[in-house]
Amino acid sequence: MQGTVVAVSVSSSHTMRKENTSAIALLAGLGVADDAHMGATVQHRSRVARDPSQPNLRQVHLIHAELMDELEARGFTVAPGRMGENITTRGVELLALPAGTNLHIGDSAIIEVTGLRNPCTQLDGIQPGLMQAVLGRDADGNLIRKAGIMGIVLQGGEVKPNDSIRIVLPPEPHSPLKPV
């Protein structure tokens, strides 16, 4: 399985929007250089308030561009980086990946998938109704969170638009993604 990087984004402050850039540097064990969520321990403000010593399983946020296509068809306008993601992908079913999947991006970067992003009400600040739009239900009525996945950086490197993404699944049995 292989996909492509559509855009890369970074923000040094805790804002929902991350600015698109020509490249980001991934740092092993830390995340995206110069990003507010970079660190070995949790950086999201609500998680820091609960326990600042927790490991940061949310070093890198990835969203699939196919979600933006879906949202556009429903009347929303959301560009890469606008929902807080660092890497916007195309051609990878991010939500279907099992926990522990390794994403080899570009020449050297490796991200280990840790879980799902749990969408928050800040999405409604982008456009009213957006949070509800990134939630769905499967055939059994189970909640589906579509707002992307989170990961940690196993091996650093530069990531830029048009880089390839190679997927390496973990050994079976596979564990489905859960919110982190």
C-alpha atoms as a PDB file:
ATOM      1  CA  MET A   1       0.000   0.000   0.000  1.00  0.00           C
ATOM      2  CA  GLN A   2       1.251   3.458  -0.843  1.00  0.00           C
ATOM      3  CA  GLY A   3      -0.011   7.018  -0.690  1.00  0.00           C
ATOM      4  CA  THR A   4       1.198  10.587  -1.108  1.00  0.00           C
ATOM      5  CA  VAL A   5       1.707  13.663   1.038  1.00  0.00           C
ATOM      6  CA  VAL A   6      -0.572  16.473  -0.175  1.00  0.00           C
ATOM      7  CA  ALA A   7       0.520  19.185   2.273  1.00  0.00           C
ATOM      8  CA  VAL A   8       2.573  19.707   5.424  1.00  0.00           C
ATOM      9  CA  SER A   9       1.688  22.234   8.111  1.00  0.00           C
ATOM     10  CA  VAL A  10       3.079  23.586  11.381  1.00  0.00           C
ATOM     11  CA  SER A  11       2.183  26.082  14.110  1.00  0.00           C
ATOM     12  CA  SER A  12       4.327  27.209  17.011  1.00  0.00           C
ATOM     13  CA  SER A  13       1.233  28.205  19.007  1.00  0.00           C
ATOM     14  CA  HIS A  14      -1.750  26.229  20.278  1.00  0.00           C
ATOM     15  CA  THR A  15      -4.188  27.187  17.548  1.00  0.00           C
ATOM     16  CA  MET A  16      -6.424  25.005  15.418  1.00  0.00           C
ATOM     17  CA  ARG A  17      -4.955  26.291  12.156  1.00  0.00           C
ATOM     18  CA  LYS A  18      -1.496  25.176  11.115  1.00  0.00           C
ATOM     19  CA  GLU A  19       0.179  27.046   8.269  1.00  0.00           C
ATOM     20  CA  ASN A  20       1.158  25.150   5.137  1.00  0.00           C
ATOM     21  CA  THR A  21       4.879  25.113   4.455  1.00  0.00           C
ATOM     22  CA  SER A  22       7.238  23.647   1.883  1.00  0.00           C
ATOM     23  CA  ALA A  23       8.632  21.055   4.328  1.00  0.00           C
ATOM     24  CA  ILE A  24       8.515  19.961   7.964  1.00  0.00           C
ATOM     25  CA  ALA A  25      11.239  18.287   9.969  1.00  0.00           C
ATOM     26  CA  LEU A  26      10.226  15.276  12.024  1.00  0.00           C
ATOM     27  CA  LEU A  27      12.351  14.687  15.127  1.00  0.00           C
ATOM     28  CA  ALA A  28      12.576  11.172  16.571  1.00  0.00           C
ATOM     29  CA  GLY A  29      10.715  10.862  19.875  1.00  0.00           C
ATOM     30  CA  LEU A  30       9.515  14.476  19.749  1.00  0.00           C
ATOM     31  CA  GLY A  31       7.349  15.245  16.716  1.00  0.00           C
ATOM     32  CA  VAL A  32       7.321  18.150  14.275  1.00  0.00           C
ATOM     33  CA  ALA A  33      10.094  20.725  14.758  1.00  0.00           C
ATOM     34  CA  ASP A  34       8.765  24.150  15.784  1.00  0.00           C
ATOM     35  CA  ASP A  35       5.227  22.814  16.354  1.00  0.00           C
ATOM     36  CA  ALA A  36       3.372  23.573  19.608  1.00  0.00           C
ATOM     37  CA  HIS A  37       2.621  19.856  20.073  1.00  0.00           C
ATOM     38  CA  MET A  38       6.262  18.750  19.841  1.00  0.00           C
ATOM     39  CA  GLY A  39       7.609  16.938  22.893  1.00  0.00           C
ATOM     40  CA  ALA A  40       8.241  13.579  24.501  1.00  0.00           C
ATOM     41  CA  THR A  41       5.442  14.240  26.999  1.00  0.00           C
ATOM     42  CA  VAL A  42       1.909  15.506  26.299  1.00  0.00           C
ATOM     43  CA  GLN A  43       1.626  19.008  24.868  1.00  0.00           C
ATOM     44  CA  HIS A  44      -2.132  19.336  24.303  1.00  0.00           C
ATOM     45  CA  ARG A  45      -3.291  21.787  26.961  1.00  0.00           C
ATOM     46  CA  SER A  46      -6.145  19.663  28.336  1.00  0.00           C
ATOM     47  CA  ARG A  47      -3.849  16.647  28.712  1.00  0.00           C
ATOM     48  CA  VAL A  48      -1.076  18.704  30.322  1.00  0.00           C
ATOM     49  CA  ALA A  49      -3.622  19.945  32.886  1.00  0.00           C
ATOM     50  CA  ARG A  50      -4.530  16.338  33.780  1.00  0.00           C
ATOM     51  CA  ASP A  51      -1.028  14.841  33.903  1.00  0.00           C
ATOM     52  CA  PRO A  52       1.964  16.569  32.254  1.00  0.00           C
ATOM     53  CA  SER A  53       4.148  13.447  32.614  1.00  0.00           C
ATOM     54  CA  GLN A  54       2.103  11.309  30.183  1.00  0.00           C
ATOM     55  CA  PRO A  55       3.951  10.186  27.059  1.00  0.00           C
ATOM     56  CA  ASN A  56       3.030  12.202  23.977  1.00  0.00           C
ATOM     57  CA  LEU A  57       1.213   9.780  21.673  1.00  0.00           C
ATOM     58  CA  ARG A  58       0.017  12.777  19.613  1.00  0.00           C
ATOM     59  CA  GLN A  59       3.323  14.086  18.206  1.00  0.00           C
ATOM     60  CA  VAL A  60       2.085  14.139  14.601  1.00  0.00           C
ATOM     61  CA  HIS A  61      -1.480  14.584  13.351  1.00  0.00           C
ATOM     62  CA  LEU A  62      -2.417  13.212   9.920  1.00  0.00           C
ATOM     63  CA  ILE A  63      -5.670  13.754   7.993  1.00  0.00           C
ATOM     64  CA  HIS A  64      -6.641  12.198   4.678  1.00  0.00           C
ATOM     65  CA  ALA A  65      -7.507  14.649   1.881  1.00  0.00           C
ATOM     66  CA  GLU A  66     -10.408  12.385   1.010  1.00  0.00           C
ATOM     67  CA  LEU A  67     -12.113  13.693   4.180  1.00  0.00           C
ATOM     68  CA  MET A  68     -11.789  17.236   2.830  1.00  0.00           C
ATOM     69  CA  ASP A  69     -13.352  16.052  -0.442  1.00  0.00           C
ATOM     70  CA  GLU A  70     -16.246  14.526   1.518  1.00  0.00           C
ATOM     71  CA  LEU A  71     -16.684  17.690   3.577  1.00  0.00           C
ATOM     72  CA  GLU A  72     -16.631  19.877   0.453  1.00  0.00           C
ATOM     73  CA  ALA A  73     -19.414  17.766  -1.072  1.00  0.00           C
ATOM     74  CA  ARG A  74     -21.427  18.515   2.093  1.00  0.00           C
ATOM     75  CA  GLY A  75     -20.886  22.289   1.823  1.00  0.00           C
ATOM     76  CA  PHE A  76     -17.835  22.755   4.055  1.00  0.00           C
ATOM     77  CA  THR A  77     -14.651  24.497   2.952  1.00  0.00           C
ATOM     78  CA  VAL A  78     -11.621  23.079   4.727  1.00  0.00           C
ATOM     79  CA  ALA A  79      -8.087  23.418   3.344  1.00  0.00           C
ATOM     80  CA  PRO A  80      -5.033  21.383   4.404  1.00  0.00           C
ATOM     81  CA  GLY A  81      -3.740  22.431   7.827  1.00  0.00           C
ATOM     82  CA  ARG A  82      -7.015  24.081   8.805  1.00  0.00           C
ATOM     83  CA  MET A  83      -8.115  21.252  11.118  1.00  0.00           C
ATOM     84  CA  GLY A  84      -4.781  21.225  12.921  1.00  0.00           C
ATOM     85  CA  GLU A  85      -3.054  18.436  11.035  1.00  0.00           C
ATOM     86  CA  ASN A  86       0.656  18.357  10.313  1.00  0.00           C
ATOM     87  CA  ILE A  87       0.434  16.033   7.311  1.00  0.00           C
ATOM     88  CA  THR A  88      -2.393  15.829   4.800  1.00  0.00           C
ATOM     89  CA  THR A  89      -2.353  12.557   2.847  1.00  0.00           C
ATOM     90  CA  ARG A  90      -4.042  11.085  -0.201  1.00  0.00           C
ATOM     91  CA  GLY A  91      -4.416   7.430  -1.140  1.00  0.00           C
ATOM     92  CA  VAL A  92      -4.061   6.007   2.379  1.00  0.00           C
ATOM     93  CA  GLU A  93      -7.066   4.749   4.333  1.00  0.00           C
ATOM     94  CA  LEU A  94      -5.734   6.250   7.550  1.00  0.00           C
ATOM     95  CA  LEU A  95      -8.761   5.336   9.669  1.00  0.00           C
ATOM     96  CA  ALA A  96      -8.514   1.667   8.654  1.00  0.00           C
ATOM     97  CA  LEU A  97      -4.882   1.266   9.750  1.00  0.00           C
ATOM     98  CA  PRO A  98      -4.233  -0.822  12.844  1.00  0.00           C
ATOM     99  CA  ALA A  99      -2.411   0.582  15.848  1.00  0.00           C
ATOM    100  CA  GLY A 100       1.343   0.175  15.480  1.00  0.00           C
ATOM    101  CA  THR A 101       1.389   0.667  11.703  1.00  0.00           C
ATOM    102  CA  ASN A 102       4.578   2.344  10.481  1.00  0.00           C
ATOM    103  CA  LEU A 103       4.313   5.062   7.852  1.00  0.00           C
ATOM    104  CA  HIS A 104       7.570   5.504   5.927  1.00  0.00           C
ATOM    105  CA  ILE A 105       7.411   9.003   4.469  1.00  0.00           C
ATOM    106  CA  GLY A 106       9.859  10.543   2.047  1.00  0.00           C
ATOM    107  CA  ASP A 107      13.494   9.498   2.205  1.00  0.00           C
ATOM    108  CA  SER A 108      13.824   8.635   5.885  1.00  0.00           C
ATOM    109  CA  ALA A 109      10.946   9.608   8.224  1.00  0.00           C
ATOM    110  CA  ILE A 110       8.977   6.897  10.027  1.00  0.00           C
ATOM    111  CA  ILE A 111       5.811   7.571  12.028  1.00  0.00           C
ATOM    112  CA  GLU A 112       4.188   4.913  14.200  1.00  0.00           C
ATOM    113  CA  VAL A 113       0.397   5.209  14.270  1.00  0.00           C
ATOM    114  CA  THR A 114      -0.838   5.441  17.874  1.00  0.00           C
ATOM    115  CA  GLY A 115      -4.565   6.108  17.522  1.00  0.00           C
ATOM    116  CA  LEU A 116      -7.443   8.247  16.389  1.00  0.00           C
ATOM    117  CA  ARG A 117      -7.811  11.960  16.855  1.00  0.00           C
ATOM    118  CA  ASN A 118     -10.848  12.662  18.977  1.00  0.00           C
ATOM    119  CA  PRO A 119     -12.506  15.680  17.314  1.00  0.00           C
ATOM    120  CA  CYS A 120     -13.286  18.632  19.565  1.00  0.00           C
ATOM    121  CA  THR A 121     -15.732  21.520  19.518  1.00  0.00           C
ATOM    122  CA  GLN A 122     -12.986  23.861  18.250  1.00  0.00           C
ATOM    123  CA  LEU A 123     -13.826  22.475  14.801  1.00  0.00           C
ATOM    124  CA  ASP A 124     -17.134  24.372  14.961  1.00  0.00           C
ATOM    125  CA  GLY A 125     -15.055  27.566  15.187  1.00  0.00           C
ATOM    126  CA  ILE A 126     -13.846  26.853  11.650  1.00  0.00           C
ATOM    127  CA  GLN A 127     -17.364  26.380  10.350  1.00  0.00           C
ATOM    128  CA  PRO A 128     -20.555  25.649  12.337  1.00  0.00           C
ATOM    129  CA  GLY A 129     -21.459  21.970  12.197  1.00  0.00           C
ATOM    130  CA  LEU A 130     -17.963  20.801  11.241  1.00  0.00           C
ATOM    131  CA  MET A 131     -17.451  18.732  14.390  1.00  0.00           C
ATOM    132  CA  GLN A 132     -20.638  16.777  13.734  1.00  0.00           C
ATOM    133  CA  ALA A 133     -19.619  16.388  10.086  1.00  0.00           C
ATOM    134  CA  VAL A 134     -16.412  14.564  11.057  1.00  0.00           C
ATOM    135  CA  LEU A 135     -18.365  12.042  13.105  1.00  0.00           C
ATOM    136  CA  GLY A 136     -20.355   9.175  11.674  1.00  0.00           C
ATOM    137  CA  ARG A 137     -21.900   5.823  12.537  1.00  0.00           C
ATOM    138  CA  ASP A 138     -21.155   2.380  11.152  1.00  0.00           C
ATOM    139  CA  ALA A 139     -23.820  -0.216  10.285  1.00  0.00           C
ATOM    140  CA  ASP A 140     -23.974  -1.288  13.945  1.00  0.00           C
ATOM    141  CA  GLY A 141     -24.386   2.272  15.207  1.00  0.00           C
ATOM    142  CA  ASN A 142     -20.825   2.588  16.532  1.00  0.00           C
ATOM    143  CA  LEU A 143     -19.267   6.052  16.482  1.00  0.00           C
ATOM    144  CA  ILE A 144     -16.742   6.693  13.700  1.00  0.00           C
ATOM    145  CA  ARG A 145     -14.214   9.470  14.259  1.00  0.00           C
ATOM    146  CA  LYS A 146     -13.051  10.776  10.866  1.00  0.00           C
ATOM    147  CA  ALA A 147     -10.789  13.666  12.009  1.00  0.00           C
ATOM    148  CA  GLY A 148      -7.550  11.823  11.328  1.00  0.00           C
ATOM    149  CA  ILE A 149      -4.977   9.828  13.213  1.00  0.00           C
ATOM    150  CA  MET A 150      -2.110  10.518  15.569  1.00  0.00           C
ATOM    151  CA  GLY A 151       1.402   9.130  15.665  1.00  0.00           C
ATOM    152  CA  ILE A 152       4.856   9.309  17.161  1.00  0.00           C
ATOM    153  CA  VAL A 153       8.093   9.823  15.281  1.00  0.00           C
ATOM    154  CA  LEU A 154      10.273   6.707  15.285  1.00  0.00           C
ATOM    155  CA  GLN A 155      12.827   8.055  12.826  1.00  0.00           C
ATOM    156  CA  GLY A 156      13.275  11.686  11.916  1.00  0.00           C
ATOM    157  CA  GLY A 157      13.517  13.251   8.522  1.00  0.00           C
ATOM    158  CA  GLU A 158      12.156  15.902   6.214  1.00  0.00           C
ATOM    159  CA  VAL A 159       8.595  15.540   4.905  1.00  0.00           C
ATOM    160  CA  LYS A 160       7.265  17.616   2.019  1.00  0.00           C
ATOM    161  CA  PRO A 161       4.351  17.624  -0.415  1.00  0.00           C
ATOM    162  CA  ASN A 162       4.465  14.879  -3.049  1.00  0.00           C
ATOM    163  CA  ASP A 163       6.547  12.590  -0.815  1.00  0.00           C
ATOM    164  CA  SER A 164       5.481   8.969  -1.013  1.00  0.00           C
ATOM    165  CA  ILE A 165       4.006   7.168   1.986  1.00  0.00           C
ATOM    166  CA  ARG A 166       4.755   3.474   2.337  1.00  0.00           C
ATOM    167  CA  ILE A 167       2.690   1.505   4.838  1.00  0.00           C
ATOM    168  CA  VAL A 168       4.161  -1.301   6.939  1.00  0.00           C
ATOM    169  CA  LEU A 169       1.563  -3.126   8.986  1.00  0.00           C
ATOM    170  CA  PRO A 170       2.447  -4.520  12.424  1.00  0.00           C
ATOM    171  CA  PRO A 171       2.433  -8.276  13.095  1.00  0.00           C
ATOM    172  CA  GLU A 172      -1.009  -9.828  13.548  1.00  0.00           C
ATOM    173  CA  PRO A 173      -3.276  -9.827  15.407  1.00  0.00           C
ATOM    174  CA  HIS A 174      -4.039  -6.202  14.506  1.00  0.00           C
ATOM    175  CA  SER A 175      -5.597  -3.827  17.024  1.00  0.00           C
ATOM    176  CA  PRO A 176      -8.104  -1.271  15.745  1.00  0.00           C
ATOM    177  CA  LEU A 177      -7.378   2.389  16.373  1.00  0.00           C
ATOM    178  CA  LYS A 178      -8.859   4.002  19.472  1.00  0.00           C
ATOM    179  CA  PRO A 179      -8.828   7.680  20.457  1.00  0.00           C
ATOM    180  CA  VAL A 180      -5.558   8.872  22.029  1.00  0.00           C
END
